[in-house]
Amino acid sequence: MSIPVHNTPPDSRTNYILPQLAGEKITFPGWNGVFSILASAKQTNGGLAVKAGVSVLSDPPGFHWQEEAHDVFLVIKGFLKDKFDVHCVHDYPPPEFSDWLETENKLGEPLQPYYLRANTGPRWMAGGLLSRPFILAKSYMKFANVDHCLFVVEGKLKVEIEGSSGENVLRDRETVVISAGQGFKLDFASPFVKIFSVANGRGIETLIQQVGKPFEGFVLPDKVEEVDSDKLARVAKEIGVTIE
């Protein structure tokens, strides 16, 4: 059997797929937008929470804080303001245009907030893929203690669960959640695939970074380099990944 499709996340730690615009919906009074909960503590044993938000230009939903979690906002379309006037100042003089700061081109320090420009920050290349999709289409991977939430930004992603009788094809803005201890493999059903991956530990992104090497470019190369199988086996053992 293939991965079950739900309109809202299930109440237990299991594998599931959410179609586009699905998920548990929440909103705030006075805000012209909505959040869809893609994964929460229920599905990941308290490991992570992932929400997708859509909104038109409107007032902000207000301040909030997290006691035991960090907030990460990835802008896929449109723009998000990180600073604003709580009370509108009509005669406020806007700042002059200036060059980007070098601090906006790299990741921040641990436990510190930071802003990262599009297409900047560290990148790793492994097998011709740039640190977002995964490289092993023919092998099952099993992360003993790490849950994964994969959100398809662009393209078509094939996902197959170990022991299942078929594969699932995810398209733009669809989500798959894979529980810890579940073997799975990924493949691509379109020439270009871009996904946003979230894990509550050292997951597939860590594997790509440690197996691959730093990449300075922005465009995927025409020629795919071979992956060092010995290095792959060593890194997989270090981070607790079973590759079959």
C-alpha atoms as a PDB file:
ATOM      1  CA  MET A   1       0.000   0.000   0.000  1.00  0.00           C
ATOM      2  CA  SER A   2       1.174   3.553  -0.746  1.00  0.00           C
ATOM      3  CA  ILE A   3       1.417   6.461   1.701  1.00  0.00           C
ATOM      4  CA  PRO A   4      -2.068   7.501   2.909  1.00  0.00           C
ATOM      5  CA  VAL A   5      -3.350  10.946   1.897  1.00  0.00           C
ATOM      6  CA  HIS A   6      -5.006  13.129   4.561  1.00  0.00           C
ATOM      7  CA  ASN A   7      -6.648  16.546   4.531  1.00  0.00           C
ATOM      8  CA  THR A   8      -5.350  17.239   8.050  1.00  0.00           C
ATOM      9  CA  PRO A   9      -2.394  15.686   9.891  1.00  0.00           C
ATOM     10  CA  PRO A  10      -3.282  12.446  11.741  1.00  0.00           C
ATOM     11  CA  ASP A  11      -3.218  12.262  15.533  1.00  0.00           C
ATOM     12  CA  SER A  12      -0.272   9.855  15.787  1.00  0.00           C
ATOM     13  CA  ARG A  13       3.322   9.448  14.629  1.00  0.00           C
ATOM     14  CA  THR A  14       2.901   7.963  11.166  1.00  0.00           C
ATOM     15  CA  ASN A  15       3.630   8.546   7.472  1.00  0.00           C
ATOM     16  CA  TYR A  16       1.186  10.677   5.491  1.00  0.00           C
ATOM     17  CA  ILE A  17       0.742  13.028   2.540  1.00  0.00           C
ATOM     18  CA  LEU A  18      -1.093  16.368   2.519  1.00  0.00           C
ATOM     19  CA  PRO A  19      -2.410  17.721  -0.811  1.00  0.00           C
ATOM     20  CA  GLN A  20      -1.939  21.336  -1.834  1.00  0.00           C
ATOM     21  CA  LEU A  21      -3.724  23.812   0.491  1.00  0.00           C
ATOM     22  CA  ALA A  22      -4.533  21.002   2.951  1.00  0.00           C
ATOM     23  CA  GLY A  23      -3.607  20.869   6.625  1.00  0.00           C
ATOM     24  CA  GLU A  24      -5.190  22.045   9.850  1.00  0.00           C
ATOM     25  CA  LYS A  25      -6.100  25.732   9.333  1.00  0.00           C
ATOM     26  CA  ILE A  26      -5.542  28.485  11.897  1.00  0.00           C
ATOM     27  CA  THR A  27      -5.770  32.267  11.670  1.00  0.00           C
ATOM     28  CA  PHE A  28      -5.624  35.332  13.904  1.00  0.00           C
ATOM     29  CA  PRO A  29      -8.206  38.089  14.453  1.00  0.00           C
ATOM     30  CA  GLY A  30      -7.500  41.088  12.239  1.00  0.00           C
ATOM     31  CA  TRP A  31      -5.058  39.249   9.962  1.00  0.00           C
ATOM     32  CA  ASN A  32      -5.946  38.576   6.317  1.00  0.00           C
ATOM     33  CA  GLY A  33      -4.112  35.283   6.108  1.00  0.00           C
ATOM     34  CA  VAL A  34      -4.161  31.671   7.208  1.00  0.00           C
ATOM     35  CA  PHE A  35      -1.648  29.071   8.396  1.00  0.00           C
ATOM     36  CA  SER A  36      -1.890  25.395   7.471  1.00  0.00           C
ATOM     37  CA  ILE A  37      -0.297  23.024   9.984  1.00  0.00           C
ATOM     38  CA  LEU A  38       1.665  20.434   7.976  1.00  0.00           C
ATOM     39  CA  ALA A  39       3.330  18.649  10.902  1.00  0.00           C
ATOM     40  CA  SER A  40       3.231  19.163  14.655  1.00  0.00           C
ATOM     41  CA  ALA A  41       4.326  17.583  17.933  1.00  0.00           C
ATOM     42  CA  LYS A  42       1.638  14.900  17.550  1.00  0.00           C
ATOM     43  CA  GLN A  43       3.153  13.490  14.362  1.00  0.00           C
ATOM     44  CA  THR A  44       6.837  13.886  15.332  1.00  0.00           C
ATOM     45  CA  ASN A  45       6.852  13.018  19.038  1.00  0.00           C
ATOM     46  CA  GLY A  46       7.467  16.652  19.944  1.00  0.00           C
ATOM     47  CA  GLY A  47      10.350  16.966  17.485  1.00  0.00           C
ATOM     48  CA  LEU A  48       9.198  19.705  15.123  1.00  0.00           C
ATOM     49  CA  ALA A  49       6.309  21.803  13.807  1.00  0.00           C
ATOM     50  CA  VAL A  50       5.924  22.976  10.203  1.00  0.00           C
ATOM     51  CA  LYS A  51       3.318  25.491   9.006  1.00  0.00           C
ATOM     52  CA  ALA A  52       2.617  26.924   5.543  1.00  0.00           C
ATOM     53  CA  GLY A  53       1.155  30.426   5.506  1.00  0.00           C
ATOM     54  CA  VAL A  54      -0.590  32.462   2.810  1.00  0.00           C
ATOM     55  CA  SER A  55      -1.751  36.055   3.104  1.00  0.00           C
ATOM     56  CA  VAL A  56      -2.550  39.189   1.148  1.00  0.00           C
ATOM     57  CA  LEU A  57      -0.947  42.517   2.077  1.00  0.00           C
ATOM     58  CA  SER A  58      -2.365  43.335   5.492  1.00  0.00           C
ATOM     59  CA  ASP A  59      -1.561  44.278   9.046  1.00  0.00           C
ATOM     60  CA  PRO A  60       0.704  41.855  10.924  1.00  0.00           C
ATOM     61  CA  PRO A  61      -0.927  39.234  13.169  1.00  0.00           C
ATOM     62  CA  GLY A  62       0.792  40.604  16.281  1.00  0.00           C
ATOM     63  CA  PHE A  63       3.702  39.597  18.462  1.00  0.00           C
ATOM     64  CA  HIS A  64       4.244  36.058  19.666  1.00  0.00           C
ATOM     65  CA  TRP A  65       7.003  34.070  21.327  1.00  0.00           C
ATOM     66  CA  GLN A  66       8.069  30.462  21.702  1.00  0.00           C
ATOM     67  CA  GLU A  67       9.250  29.117  25.039  1.00  0.00           C
ATOM     68  CA  GLU A  68      11.083  26.041  23.734  1.00  0.00           C
ATOM     69  CA  ALA A  69      11.324  26.465  19.959  1.00  0.00           C
ATOM     70  CA  HIS A  70      12.967  28.612  17.287  1.00  0.00           C
ATOM     71  CA  ASP A  71      11.057  30.360  14.483  1.00  0.00           C
ATOM     72  CA  VAL A  72      12.281  29.966  10.898  1.00  0.00           C
ATOM     73  CA  PHE A  73      10.432  31.758   8.064  1.00  0.00           C
ATOM     74  CA  LEU A  74      11.096  30.747   4.442  1.00  0.00           C
ATOM     75  CA  VAL A  75       9.544  33.099   1.864  1.00  0.00           C
ATOM     76  CA  ILE A  76       8.579  31.107  -1.246  1.00  0.00           C
ATOM     77  CA  LYS A  77       6.514  33.768  -3.024  1.00  0.00           C
ATOM     78  CA  GLY A  78       5.930  37.462  -2.378  1.00  0.00           C
ATOM     79  CA  PHE A  79       7.715  39.250   0.439  1.00  0.00           C
ATOM     80  CA  LEU A  80       7.701  39.353   4.219  1.00  0.00           C
ATOM     81  CA  LYS A  81       8.477  42.455   6.280  1.00  0.00           C
ATOM     82  CA  ASP A  82      10.608  41.832   9.340  1.00  0.00           C
ATOM     83  CA  LYS A  83      10.323  45.422  10.657  1.00  0.00           C
ATOM     84  CA  PHE A  84       7.336  47.744  10.735  1.00  0.00           C
ATOM     85  CA  ASP A  85       5.774  50.637  12.637  1.00  0.00           C
ATOM     86  CA  VAL A  86       3.259  49.461  15.191  1.00  0.00           C
ATOM     87  CA  HIS A  87       1.674  52.923  14.969  1.00  0.00           C
ATOM     88  CA  CYS A  88       1.773  54.416  11.489  1.00  0.00           C
ATOM     89  CA  VAL A  89       4.059  57.462  11.166  1.00  0.00           C
ATOM     90  CA  HIS A  90       2.962  59.285   8.014  1.00  0.00           C
ATOM     91  CA  ASP A  91       5.920  61.681   7.903  1.00  0.00           C
ATOM     92  CA  TYR A  92       8.547  59.019   8.586  1.00  0.00           C
ATOM     93  CA  PRO A  93      11.639  59.699   6.408  1.00  0.00           C
ATOM     94  CA  PRO A  94      12.615  56.485   4.581  1.00  0.00           C
ATOM     95  CA  PRO A  95      16.282  55.440   4.722  1.00  0.00           C
ATOM     96  CA  GLU A  96      18.552  55.885   1.729  1.00  0.00           C
ATOM     97  CA  PHE A  97      19.288  52.966  -0.556  1.00  0.00           C
ATOM     98  CA  SER A  98      22.499  51.139   0.271  1.00  0.00           C
ATOM     99  CA  ASP A  99      24.407  47.996  -0.611  1.00  0.00           C
ATOM    100  CA  TRP A 100      23.612  44.667   1.006  1.00  0.00           C
ATOM    101  CA  LEU A 101      25.484  43.849   4.191  1.00  0.00           C
ATOM    102  CA  GLU A 102      27.879  40.906   4.270  1.00  0.00           C
ATOM    103  CA  THR A 103      26.030  39.625   7.332  1.00  0.00           C
ATOM    104  CA  GLU A 104      23.008  38.987   5.088  1.00  0.00           C
ATOM    105  CA  ASN A 105      24.949  36.495   2.969  1.00  0.00           C
ATOM    106  CA  LYS A 106      25.713  33.913   5.640  1.00  0.00           C
ATOM    107  CA  LEU A 107      24.024  31.957   8.405  1.00  0.00           C
ATOM    108  CA  GLY A 108      23.852  33.505  11.850  1.00  0.00           C
ATOM    109  CA  GLU A 109      25.497  32.306  15.027  1.00  0.00           C
ATOM    110  CA  PRO A 110      23.771  29.645  17.188  1.00  0.00           C
ATOM    111  CA  LEU A 111      20.704  30.914  19.096  1.00  0.00           C
ATOM    112  CA  GLN A 112      20.887  34.299  17.333  1.00  0.00           C
ATOM    113  CA  PRO A 113      18.275  35.697  14.897  1.00  0.00           C
ATOM    114  CA  TYR A 114      19.517  36.440  11.380  1.00  0.00           C
ATOM    115  CA  TYR A 115      18.335  37.416   7.895  1.00  0.00           C
ATOM    116  CA  LEU A 116      19.522  35.506   4.825  1.00  0.00           C
ATOM    117  CA  ARG A 117      19.172  36.795   1.268  1.00  0.00           C
ATOM    118  CA  ALA A 118      17.838  34.550  -1.485  1.00  0.00           C
ATOM    119  CA  ASN A 119      20.460  32.316  -3.129  1.00  0.00           C
ATOM    120  CA  THR A 120      23.071  33.065  -0.464  1.00  0.00           C
ATOM    121  CA  GLY A 121      24.489  31.128   2.445  1.00  0.00           C
ATOM    122  CA  PRO A 122      26.434  27.850   2.434  1.00  0.00           C
ATOM    123  CA  ARG A 123      25.697  25.287  -0.277  1.00  0.00           C
ATOM    124  CA  TRP A 124      26.837  21.699  -0.701  1.00  0.00           C
ATOM    125  CA  MET A 125      26.944  19.647  -3.877  1.00  0.00           C
ATOM    126  CA  ALA A 126      26.683  15.856  -3.892  1.00  0.00           C
ATOM    127  CA  GLY A 127      26.037  13.850  -7.020  1.00  0.00           C
ATOM    128  CA  GLY A 128      24.991  16.922  -9.004  1.00  0.00           C
ATOM    129  CA  LEU A 129      22.291  17.944  -6.525  1.00  0.00           C
ATOM    130  CA  LEU A 130      22.416  21.097  -4.464  1.00  0.00           C
ATOM    131  CA  SER A 131      21.722  20.275  -0.806  1.00  0.00           C
ATOM    132  CA  ARG A 132      17.938  20.213  -1.073  1.00  0.00           C
ATOM    133  CA  PRO A 133      16.797  17.124  -2.971  1.00  0.00           C
ATOM    134  CA  PHE A 134      18.461  13.824  -2.098  1.00  0.00           C
ATOM    135  CA  ILE A 135      20.921  11.844  -4.180  1.00  0.00           C
ATOM    136  CA  LEU A 136      19.995   8.205  -3.714  1.00  0.00           C
ATOM    137  CA  ALA A 137      17.114   7.172  -5.926  1.00  0.00           C
ATOM    138  CA  LYS A 138      17.871   3.448  -5.825  1.00  0.00           C
ATOM    139  CA  SER A 139      18.448   2.881  -2.109  1.00  0.00           C
ATOM    140  CA  TYR A 140      16.177   2.941   0.914  1.00  0.00           C
ATOM    141  CA  MET A 141      17.264   5.207   3.763  1.00  0.00           C
ATOM    142  CA  LYS A 142      16.217   4.732   7.356  1.00  0.00           C
ATOM    143  CA  PHE A 143      16.842   7.375  10.026  1.00  0.00           C
ATOM    144  CA  ALA A 144      16.311   5.698  13.374  1.00  0.00           C
ATOM    145  CA  ASN A 145      15.412   8.800  15.409  1.00  0.00           C
ATOM    146  CA  VAL A 146      14.732  11.541  12.858  1.00  0.00           C
ATOM    147  CA  ASP A 147      11.375  12.565  11.371  1.00  0.00           C
ATOM    148  CA  HIS A 148      11.276  14.308   7.981  1.00  0.00           C
ATOM    149  CA  CYS A 149       8.790  16.795   6.538  1.00  0.00           C
ATOM    150  CA  LEU A 150       9.291  17.397   2.792  1.00  0.00           C
ATOM    151  CA  PHE A 151       7.399  20.254   1.116  1.00  0.00           C
ATOM    152  CA  VAL A 152       7.532  20.365  -2.693  1.00  0.00           C
ATOM    153  CA  VAL A 153       8.179  23.925  -3.872  1.00  0.00           C
ATOM    154  CA  GLU A 154       8.551  23.125  -7.559  1.00  0.00           C
ATOM    155  CA  GLY A 155       8.536  20.014  -9.747  1.00  0.00           C
ATOM    156  CA  LYS A 156       7.431  16.430  -9.095  1.00  0.00           C
ATOM    157  CA  LEU A 157       8.946  14.254  -6.369  1.00  0.00           C
ATOM    158  CA  LYS A 158       8.560  10.468  -6.154  1.00  0.00           C
ATOM    159  CA  VAL A 159       8.451   8.968  -2.663  1.00  0.00           C
ATOM    160  CA  GLU A 160       8.398   5.251  -1.928  1.00  0.00           C
ATOM    161  CA  ILE A 161       8.093   3.708   1.534  1.00  0.00           C
ATOM    162  CA  GLU A 162      10.002   0.500   2.257  1.00  0.00           C
ATOM    163  CA  GLY A 163       7.635  -2.470   2.158  1.00  0.00           C
ATOM    164  CA  SER A 164       4.943  -0.609   0.197  1.00  0.00           C
ATOM    165  CA  SER A 165       3.505  -1.810  -3.082  1.00  0.00           C
ATOM    166  CA  GLY A 166       3.755   1.480  -4.950  1.00  0.00           C
ATOM    167  CA  GLU A 167       5.167   4.973  -5.106  1.00  0.00           C
ATOM    168  CA  ASN A 168       3.609   8.383  -4.576  1.00  0.00           C
ATOM    169  CA  VAL A 169       4.212  11.410  -6.808  1.00  0.00           C
ATOM    170  CA  LEU A 170       4.052  14.789  -5.076  1.00  0.00           C
ATOM    171  CA  ARG A 171       3.610  18.060  -6.974  1.00  0.00           C
ATOM    172  CA  ASP A 172       3.905  21.760  -6.166  1.00  0.00           C
ATOM    173  CA  ARG A 173       2.897  22.677  -2.585  1.00  0.00           C
ATOM    174  CA  GLU A 174       2.210  19.080  -1.542  1.00  0.00           C
ATOM    175  CA  THR A 175       3.761  17.658   1.631  1.00  0.00           C
ATOM    176  CA  VAL A 176       4.940  14.267   2.837  1.00  0.00           C
ATOM    177  CA  VAL A 177       5.859  13.443   6.436  1.00  0.00           C
ATOM    178  CA  ILE A 178       8.039  10.372   7.042  1.00  0.00           C
ATOM    179  CA  SER A 179       8.323   9.014  10.568  1.00  0.00           C
ATOM    180  CA  ALA A 180      11.591   8.086  12.260  1.00  0.00           C
ATOM    181  CA  GLY A 181      12.583   4.459  11.721  1.00  0.00           C
ATOM    182  CA  GLN A 182      10.738   4.236   8.387  1.00  0.00           C
ATOM    183  CA  GLY A 183      12.803   3.338   5.317  1.00  0.00           C
ATOM    184  CA  PHE A 184      12.134   5.465   2.229  1.00  0.00           C
ATOM    185  CA  LYS A 185      13.653   6.476  -1.079  1.00  0.00           C
ATOM    186  CA  LEU A 186      13.244   9.538  -3.280  1.00  0.00           C
ATOM    187  CA  ASP A 187      13.278   9.955  -7.047  1.00  0.00           C
ATOM    188  CA  PHE A 188      12.422  12.753  -9.456  1.00  0.00           C
ATOM    189  CA  ALA A 189       9.582  12.790 -11.987  1.00  0.00           C
ATOM    190  CA  SER A 190      10.488  16.127 -13.605  1.00  0.00           C
ATOM    191  CA  PRO A 191      13.739  17.620 -14.948  1.00  0.00           C
ATOM    192  CA  PHE A 192      13.983  20.025 -11.989  1.00  0.00           C
ATOM    193  CA  VAL A 193      12.752  19.459  -8.442  1.00  0.00           C
ATOM    194  CA  LYS A 194      12.986  21.878  -5.524  1.00  0.00           C
ATOM    195  CA  ILE A 195      11.891  20.857  -2.036  1.00  0.00           C
ATOM    196  CA  PHE A 196      11.981  22.362   1.437  1.00  0.00           C
ATOM    197  CA  SER A 197      13.047  19.740   3.961  1.00  0.00           C
ATOM    198  CA  VAL A 198      12.709  19.926   7.748  1.00  0.00           C
ATOM    199  CA  ALA A 199      14.041  17.306  10.172  1.00  0.00           C
ATOM    200  CA  ASN A 200      14.207  17.113  13.960  1.00  0.00           C
ATOM    201  CA  GLY A 201      17.831  15.987  13.944  1.00  0.00           C
ATOM    202  CA  ARG A 202      20.592  15.010  11.548  1.00  0.00           C
ATOM    203  CA  GLY A 203      18.579  14.063   8.480  1.00  0.00           C
ATOM    204  CA  ILE A 204      19.023  13.988   4.718  1.00  0.00           C
ATOM    205  CA  GLU A 205      20.436  17.533   4.567  1.00  0.00           C
ATOM    206  CA  THR A 206      23.194  16.546   7.002  1.00  0.00           C
ATOM    207  CA  LEU A 207      23.976  13.490   4.901  1.00  0.00           C
ATOM    208  CA  ILE A 208      24.288  15.602   1.738  1.00  0.00           C
ATOM    209  CA  GLN A 209      26.487  18.180   3.446  1.00  0.00           C
ATOM    210  CA  GLN A 210      28.909  15.652   4.904  1.00  0.00           C
ATOM    211  CA  VAL A 211      29.055  13.390   1.843  1.00  0.00           C
ATOM    212  CA  GLY A 212      29.244  16.267  -0.641  1.00  0.00           C
ATOM    213  CA  LYS A 213      31.512  19.299  -0.774  1.00  0.00           C
ATOM    214  CA  PRO A 214      30.994  23.075  -0.545  1.00  0.00           C
ATOM    215  CA  PHE A 215      29.636  24.623  -3.747  1.00  0.00           C
ATOM    216  CA  GLU A 216      30.214  28.256  -4.723  1.00  0.00           C
ATOM    217  CA  GLY A 217      27.948  28.449  -7.769  1.00  0.00           C
ATOM    218  CA  PHE A 218      24.214  29.089  -8.055  1.00  0.00           C
ATOM    219  CA  VAL A 219      23.267  26.976 -11.103  1.00  0.00           C
ATOM    220  CA  LEU A 220      23.278  23.178 -11.136  1.00  0.00           C
ATOM    221  CA  PRO A 221      26.178  21.849 -13.245  1.00  0.00           C
ATOM    222  CA  ASP A 222      25.639  20.058 -16.555  1.00  0.00           C
ATOM    223  CA  LYS A 223      27.861  17.143 -15.540  1.00  0.00           C
ATOM    224  CA  VAL A 224      27.015  15.067 -12.473  1.00  0.00           C
ATOM    225  CA  GLU A 225      29.928  13.965 -10.318  1.00  0.00           C
ATOM    226  CA  GLU A 226      30.068  10.496  -8.810  1.00  0.00           C
ATOM    227  CA  VAL A 227      29.421  10.142  -5.093  1.00  0.00           C
ATOM    228  CA  ASP A 228      32.195   8.551  -3.028  1.00  0.00           C
ATOM    229  CA  SER A 229      30.550   5.315  -1.871  1.00  0.00           C
ATOM    230  CA  ASP A 230      33.088   4.735   0.915  1.00  0.00           C
ATOM    231  CA  LYS A 231      32.539   8.233   2.287  1.00  0.00           C
ATOM    232  CA  LEU A 232      28.772   7.753   2.024  1.00  0.00           C
ATOM    233  CA  ALA A 233      28.942   4.546   4.050  1.00  0.00           C
ATOM    234  CA  ARG A 234      31.155   6.173   6.697  1.00  0.00           C
ATOM    235  CA  VAL A 235      28.958   9.265   7.098  1.00  0.00           C
ATOM    236  CA  ALA A 236      25.783   7.179   7.181  1.00  0.00           C
ATOM    237  CA  LYS A 237      27.216   5.129  10.034  1.00  0.00           C
ATOM    238  CA  GLU A 238      28.289   8.262  11.939  1.00  0.00           C
ATOM    239  CA  ILE A 239      24.833   9.869  11.871  1.00  0.00           C
ATOM    240  CA  GLY A 240      22.879   6.646  12.321  1.00  0.00           C
ATOM    241  CA  VAL A 241      21.434   6.125   8.843  1.00  0.00           C
ATOM    242  CA  THR A 242      20.758   2.679   7.394  1.00  0.00           C
ATOM    243  CA  ILE A 243      21.095   2.514   3.586  1.00  0.00           C
ATOM    244  CA  GLU A 244      19.833  -0.661   1.954  1.00  0.00           C
END
